[in-house]
C-alpha atoms as a PDB file:
ATOM      1  CA  MET A   1     -27.242  -3.925  33.094  1.00  0.00           C
ATOM      2  CA  LYS A   2     -24.660  -1.302  33.479  1.00  0.00           C
ATOM      3  CA  TYR A   3     -21.769  -3.357  35.076  1.00  0.00           C
ATOM      4  CA  ILE A   4     -21.049  -6.878  34.192  1.00  0.00           C
ATOM      5  CA  ILE A   5     -18.220  -8.366  36.327  1.00  0.00           C
ATOM      6  CA  GLY A   6     -16.516 -11.431  35.830  1.00  0.00           C
ATOM      7  CA  LEU A   7     -14.809 -12.916  38.779  1.00  0.00           C
ATOM      8  CA  GLY A   8     -11.422 -15.009  38.356  1.00  0.00           C
ATOM      9  CA  ASN A   9      -7.666 -14.543  39.442  1.00  0.00           C
ATOM     10  CA  PRO A  10      -5.240 -12.419  37.762  1.00  0.00           C
ATOM     11  CA  GLY A  11      -2.133 -13.566  36.422  1.00  0.00           C
ATOM     12  CA  GLU A  12      -0.942 -16.109  33.435  1.00  0.00           C
ATOM     13  CA  LYS A  13      -0.916 -18.789  36.087  1.00  0.00           C
ATOM     14  CA  TYR A  14      -4.285 -18.877  36.640  1.00  0.00           C
ATOM     15  CA  ALA A  15      -5.842 -18.061  33.111  1.00  0.00           C
ATOM     16  CA  LEU A  16      -7.038 -21.513  32.257  1.00  0.00           C
ATOM     17  CA  ASN A  17      -8.281 -22.337  35.752  1.00  0.00           C
ATOM     18  CA  ILE A  18     -11.679 -23.522  36.724  1.00  0.00           C
ATOM     19  CA  HIS A  19     -11.976 -20.699  38.899  1.00  0.00           C
ATOM     20  CA  ASN A  20     -11.442 -18.464  36.180  1.00  0.00           C
ATOM     21  CA  VAL A  21     -14.379 -19.498  33.901  1.00  0.00           C
ATOM     22  CA  ALA A  22     -15.792 -16.272  33.986  1.00  0.00           C
ATOM     23  CA  TRP A  23     -12.690 -14.798  32.447  1.00  0.00           C
ATOM     24  CA  ILE A  24     -12.640 -17.492  29.655  1.00  0.00           C
ATOM     25  CA  ILE A  25     -15.902 -16.453  28.772  1.00  0.00           C
ATOM     26  CA  LEU A  26     -15.404 -12.435  28.662  1.00  0.00           C
ATOM     27  CA  ASP A  27     -12.207 -13.410  26.646  1.00  0.00           C
ATOM     28  CA  SER A  28     -13.945 -15.372  24.275  1.00  0.00           C
ATOM     29  CA  LEU A  29     -16.637 -12.502  23.859  1.00  0.00           C
ATOM     30  CA  PHE A  30     -14.457  -9.613  23.407  1.00  0.00           C
ATOM     31  CA  PRO A  31     -10.904 -10.846  22.463  1.00  0.00           C
ATOM     32  CA  GLU A  32      -9.044  -7.710  22.147  1.00  0.00           C
ATOM     33  CA  GLY A  33      -9.492  -4.043  23.429  1.00  0.00           C
ATOM     34  CA  TRP A  34      -9.405  -4.864  27.433  1.00  0.00           C
ATOM     35  CA  THR A  35      -7.530  -1.709  28.857  1.00  0.00           C
ATOM     36  CA  PHE A  36      -6.647  -1.325  32.702  1.00  0.00           C
ATOM     37  CA  HIS A  37      -8.049   1.069  34.830  1.00  0.00           C
ATOM     38  CA  LYS A  38      -5.829   1.628  37.635  1.00  0.00           C
ATOM     39  CA  TYR A  39      -8.296   3.226  40.125  1.00  0.00           C
ATOM     40  CA  MET A  40     -10.648   0.511  39.726  1.00  0.00           C
ATOM     41  CA  ASN A  41      -7.536  -1.786  39.496  1.00  0.00           C
ATOM     42  CA  ALA A  42      -9.664  -3.713  36.630  1.00  0.00           C
ATOM     43  CA  GLU A  43      -9.153  -4.468  32.980  1.00  0.00           C
ATOM     44  CA  VAL A  44     -12.408  -3.029  31.654  1.00  0.00           C
ATOM     45  CA  LYS A  45     -14.332  -3.034  28.079  1.00  0.00           C
ATOM     46  CA  THR A  46     -17.110  -0.970  27.138  1.00  0.00           C
ATOM     47  CA  GLY A  47     -19.628  -3.088  25.033  1.00  0.00           C
ATOM     48  CA  HIS A  48     -23.621  -2.570  24.103  1.00  0.00           C
ATOM     49  CA  ASP A  49     -24.778  -3.874  27.498  1.00  0.00           C
ATOM     50  CA  GLY A  50     -22.654  -1.960  29.687  1.00  0.00           C
ATOM     51  CA  LEU A  51     -19.063  -2.038  31.413  1.00  0.00           C
ATOM     52  CA  TYR A  52     -17.564  -5.368  31.411  1.00  0.00           C
ATOM     53  CA  ILE A  53     -14.858  -5.691  34.386  1.00  0.00           C
ATOM     54  CA  LYS A  54     -12.308  -8.256  35.295  1.00  0.00           C
ATOM     55  CA  PRO A  55     -10.926  -7.288  38.587  1.00  0.00           C
ATOM     56  CA  GLN A  56      -7.482  -7.768  39.186  1.00  0.00           C
ATOM     57  CA  THR A  57      -7.331  -8.456  42.631  1.00  0.00           C
ATOM     58  CA  PHE A  58      -7.415 -11.907  43.906  1.00  0.00           C
ATOM     59  CA  MET A  59     -11.149 -13.753  44.008  1.00  0.00           C
ATOM     60  CA  ASN A  60     -11.448 -13.126  47.796  1.00  0.00           C
ATOM     61  CA  LYS A  61     -11.135  -9.319  46.989  1.00  0.00           C
ATOM     62  CA  SER A  62     -13.184  -8.931  43.823  1.00  0.00           C
ATOM     63  CA  GLY A  63     -15.388  -6.414  45.678  1.00  0.00           C
ATOM     64  CA  GLU A  64     -13.003  -3.722  45.852  1.00  0.00           C
ATOM     65  CA  VAL A  65     -14.082  -2.771  42.396  1.00  0.00           C
ATOM     66  CA  ILE A  66     -17.483  -1.841  43.966  1.00  0.00           C
ATOM     67  CA  SER A  67     -16.001   0.406  46.313  1.00  0.00           C
ATOM     68  CA  PHE A  68     -14.600   2.266  43.625  1.00  0.00           C
ATOM     69  CA  LEU A  69     -17.815   2.205  41.484  1.00  0.00           C
ATOM     70  CA  LYS A  70     -20.000   3.238  44.474  1.00  0.00           C
ATOM     71  CA  LYS A  71     -17.592   6.332  45.029  1.00  0.00           C
ATOM     72  CA  GLU A  72     -17.861   7.677  41.448  1.00  0.00           C
ATOM     73  CA  GLU A  73     -21.362   6.654  40.338  1.00  0.00           C
ATOM     74  CA  LYS A  74     -24.701   6.472  42.069  1.00  0.00           C
ATOM     75  CA  LEU A  75     -24.595   2.588  41.811  1.00  0.00           C
ATOM     76  CA  ASN A  76     -27.720   0.490  42.357  1.00  0.00           C
ATOM     77  CA  PRO A  77     -27.024  -3.157  43.318  1.00  0.00           C
ATOM     78  CA  GLU A  78     -29.252  -4.189  40.627  1.00  0.00           C
ATOM     79  CA  GLN A  79     -27.324  -2.695  37.939  1.00  0.00           C
ATOM     80  CA  VAL A  80     -24.502  -5.216  38.819  1.00  0.00           C
ATOM     81  CA  LEU A  81     -24.120  -8.527  37.070  1.00  0.00           C
ATOM     82  CA  VAL A  82     -21.754 -11.027  38.470  1.00  0.00           C
ATOM     83  CA  ILE A  83     -20.443 -14.376  36.361  1.00  0.00           C
ATOM     84  CA  TYR A  84     -18.544 -16.833  38.214  1.00  0.00           C
ATOM     85  CA  ASP A  85     -18.057 -20.618  38.624  1.00  0.00           C
ATOM     86  CA  ASP A  86     -20.250 -22.807  40.719  1.00  0.00           C
ATOM     87  CA  VAL A  87     -19.290 -26.494  41.800  1.00  0.00           C
ATOM     88  CA  ASP A  88     -22.562 -27.443  42.640  1.00  0.00           C
ATOM     89  CA  LEU A  89     -23.871 -27.197  39.067  1.00  0.00           C
ATOM     90  CA  PRO A  90     -22.403 -29.507  36.113  1.00  0.00           C
ATOM     91  CA  LEU A  91     -19.922 -28.217  33.472  1.00  0.00           C
ATOM     92  CA  GLY A  92     -22.095 -26.237  31.285  1.00  0.00           C
ATOM     93  CA  GLN A  93     -25.434 -25.850  33.432  1.00  0.00           C
ATOM     94  CA  ILE A  94     -25.958 -22.145  33.556  1.00  0.00           C
ATOM     95  CA  ARG A  95     -28.385 -20.597  36.367  1.00  0.00           C
ATOM     96  CA  ILE A  96     -29.398 -17.255  36.894  1.00  0.00           C
ATOM     97  CA  SER A  97     -30.136 -15.762  40.368  1.00  0.00           C
ATOM     98  CA  TYR A  98     -31.014 -12.568  42.192  1.00  0.00           C
ATOM     99  CA  ASP A  99     -31.054 -11.649  45.799  1.00  0.00           C
ATOM    100  CA  ARG A 100     -29.519 -14.989  46.923  1.00  0.00           C
ATOM    101  CA  GLY A 101     -26.705 -15.688  49.349  1.00  0.00           C
ATOM    102  CA  ASP A 102     -22.967 -16.402  48.201  1.00  0.00           C
ATOM    103  CA  GLY A 103     -23.174 -20.045  48.407  1.00  0.00           C
ATOM    104  CA  GLY A 104     -19.632 -20.225  49.731  1.00  0.00           C
ATOM    105  CA  HIS A 105     -18.028 -18.676  46.863  1.00  0.00           C
ATOM    106  CA  ASN A 106     -15.864 -16.110  48.351  1.00  0.00           C
ATOM    107  CA  GLY A 107     -15.750 -13.569  45.482  1.00  0.00           C
ATOM    108  CA  VAL A 108     -19.701 -13.240  45.535  1.00  0.00           C
ATOM    109  CA  LYS A 109     -19.178 -12.684  49.233  1.00  0.00           C
ATOM    110  CA  SER A 110     -16.478 -10.001  48.660  1.00  0.00           C
ATOM    111  CA  ILE A 111     -18.835  -8.430  46.099  1.00  0.00           C
ATOM    112  CA  THR A 112     -21.959  -8.818  48.398  1.00  0.00           C
ATOM    113  CA  GLU A 113     -20.069  -7.308  51.463  1.00  0.00           C
ATOM    114  CA  HIS A 114     -19.091  -4.234  49.017  1.00  0.00           C
ATOM    115  CA  LEU A 115     -22.261  -3.866  47.683  1.00  0.00           C
ATOM    116  CA  GLY A 116     -23.966  -3.849  51.153  1.00  0.00           C
ATOM    117  CA  SER A 117     -26.585  -5.825  49.456  1.00  0.00           C
ATOM    118  CA  LYS A 118     -27.616  -9.325  48.056  1.00  0.00           C
ATOM    119  CA  LYS A 119     -29.471  -7.662  45.254  1.00  0.00           C
ATOM    120  CA  SER A 120     -27.219  -8.385  42.548  1.00  0.00           C
ATOM    121  CA  ILE A 121     -27.592 -10.462  39.289  1.00  0.00           C
ATOM    122  CA  ARG A 122     -25.926 -13.501  38.708  1.00  0.00           C
ATOM    123  CA  ILE A 123     -24.782 -15.646  36.067  1.00  0.00           C
ATOM    124  CA  ARG A 124     -23.379 -19.022  37.870  1.00  0.00           C
ATOM    125  CA  ILE A 125     -21.564 -21.158  35.553  1.00  0.00           C
ATOM    126  CA  GLY A 126     -21.518 -24.868  36.380  1.00  0.00           C
ATOM    127  CA  VAL A 127     -17.856 -26.127  36.495  1.00  0.00           C
ATOM    128  CA  SER A 128     -18.175 -29.725  37.974  1.00  0.00           C
ATOM    129  CA  ARG A 129     -18.308 -33.234  36.079  1.00  0.00           C
ATOM    130  CA  LEU A 130     -21.336 -35.277  36.115  1.00  0.00           C
ATOM    131  CA  LEU A 131     -21.034 -38.898  35.980  1.00  0.00           C
ATOM    132  CA  GLU A 132     -23.451 -41.274  33.946  1.00  0.00           C
ATOM    133  CA  ASP A 133     -24.967 -42.520  37.269  1.00  0.00           C
ATOM    134  CA  GLY A 134     -26.020 -38.801  38.286  1.00  0.00           C
ATOM    135  CA  ARG A 135     -23.303 -37.997  40.731  1.00  0.00           C
ATOM    136  CA  MET A 136     -21.214 -35.010  40.232  1.00  0.00           C
ATOM    137  CA  ILE A 137     -17.526 -34.671  41.071  1.00  0.00           C
ATOM    138  CA  LYS A 138     -16.893 -31.009  42.279  1.00  0.00           C
ATOM    139  CA  PRO A 139     -13.120 -30.009  40.690  1.00  0.00           C
ATOM    140  CA  ASN A 140     -10.082 -28.309  42.443  1.00  0.00           C
ATOM    141  CA  VAL A 141     -10.972 -24.581  40.955  1.00  0.00           C
ATOM    142  CA  LEU A 142      -7.456 -23.775  40.986  1.00  0.00           C
ATOM    143  CA  SER A 143      -6.782 -26.815  38.348  1.00  0.00           C
ATOM    144  CA  ASN A 144      -7.027 -26.323  34.611  1.00  0.00           C
ATOM    145  CA  PHE A 145      -9.789 -27.173  32.384  1.00  0.00           C
ATOM    146  CA  ALA A 146      -8.878 -29.811  29.925  1.00  0.00           C
ATOM    147  CA  SER A 147      -8.693 -28.605  26.222  1.00  0.00           C
ATOM    148  CA  LYS A 148     -11.993 -30.333  25.395  1.00  0.00           C
ATOM    149  CA  GLU A 149     -13.722 -28.653  28.166  1.00  0.00           C
ATOM    150  CA  ARG A 150     -12.452 -25.283  27.180  1.00  0.00           C
ATOM    151  CA  GLN A 151     -13.628 -25.537  23.702  1.00  0.00           C
ATOM    152  CA  PHE A 152     -17.057 -27.011  25.284  1.00  0.00           C
ATOM    153  CA  ILE A 153     -16.942 -23.460  27.140  1.00  0.00           C
ATOM    154  CA  ALA A 154     -16.093 -21.424  23.896  1.00  0.00           C
ATOM    155  CA  ASP A 155     -18.518 -23.404  21.624  1.00  0.00           C
ATOM    156  CA  THR A 156     -21.518 -23.882  23.772  1.00  0.00           C
ATOM    157  CA  VAL A 157     -21.295 -21.713  27.112  1.00  0.00           C
ATOM    158  CA  THR A 158     -20.215 -18.669  26.089  1.00  0.00           C
ATOM    159  CA  PRO A 159     -22.838 -18.047  23.403  1.00  0.00           C
ATOM    160  CA  GLN A 160     -25.616 -19.089  26.053  1.00  0.00           C
ATOM    161  CA  VAL A 161     -24.027 -16.315  28.533  1.00  0.00           C
ATOM    162  CA  GLU A 162     -24.282 -13.867  25.561  1.00  0.00           C
ATOM    163  CA  ARG A 163     -27.819 -14.497  24.745  1.00  0.00           C
ATOM    164  CA  ILE A 164     -28.518 -14.292  28.758  1.00  0.00           C
ATOM    165  CA  ILE A 165     -26.685 -10.844  29.008  1.00  0.00           C
ATOM    166  CA  LYS A 166     -28.321  -9.566  26.024  1.00  0.00           C
ATOM    167  CA  SER A 167     -31.692 -10.996  27.279  1.00  0.00           C
ATOM    168  CA  LEU A 168     -31.311  -9.180  30.591  1.00  0.00           C
ATOM    169  CA  THR A 169     -30.940  -5.848  28.849  1.00  0.00           C
ATOM    170  CA  SER A 170     -33.997  -6.067  26.570  1.00  0.00           C
ATOM    171  CA  ASP A 171     -36.201  -8.646  28.300  1.00  0.00           C
ATOM    172  CA  GLY A 172     -35.716  -7.834  31.919  1.00  0.00           C
ATOM    173  CA  LEU A 173     -34.526 -10.253  34.870  1.00  0.00           C
ATOM    174  CA  GLU A 174     -37.923 -12.106  35.547  1.00  0.00           C
ATOM    175  CA  LYS A 175     -38.394 -13.078  31.677  1.00  0.00           C
ATOM    176  CA  THR A 176     -35.154 -14.208  31.239  1.00  0.00           C
ATOM    177  CA  MET A 177     -34.664 -16.414  34.369  1.00  0.00           C
ATOM    178  CA  ASN A 178     -38.055 -17.892  33.014  1.00  0.00           C
ATOM    179  CA  ILE A 179     -36.395 -18.474  29.296  1.00  0.00           C
ATOM    180  CA  HIS A 180     -33.040 -19.680  30.442  1.00  0.00           C
ATOM    181  CA  ASN A 181     -33.266 -21.205  34.090  1.00  0.00           C
ATOM    182  CA  THR A 182     -35.810 -23.881  32.558  1.00  0.00           C
ATOM    183  CA  LYS A 183     -33.036 -25.586  30.546  1.00  0.00           C
END
């Protein structure tokens, strides 16, 4: 991976929103050292696996960061990993996908439009409540996670995402999908 983009909305008001699960995860992985890149309009942090990016536009304009990257570098869509919330998955379930549609997610739609391709890798983080009878309750993504849910994300989801990113870097997409999409 070269560019790991976590989707979210900027501002303290949105910090604990369900829509910001990717930022919550990235902030758990890297609690310090984020810097603001004014030309990219994003918070950035260099990590072992690439450049971690939190666009500071609102969700539906997340792809603007791609415009900067395309202008400055020869950007291959397959170098882009996007992490985001997915209301069609229960809380904590993670799915890796590639070369798929946006699933109605405006941040992903913006990224895809600016890339000019669907061929980015994605880590979809489930955020819906799963009831005992198997039904799922989809949340208002602009509502906040409960403290218990935030703890679950920190303790369980974040380490899984970290393992997936490392696996993508060392093992490649196909092997990583085979390992992590079966759980």
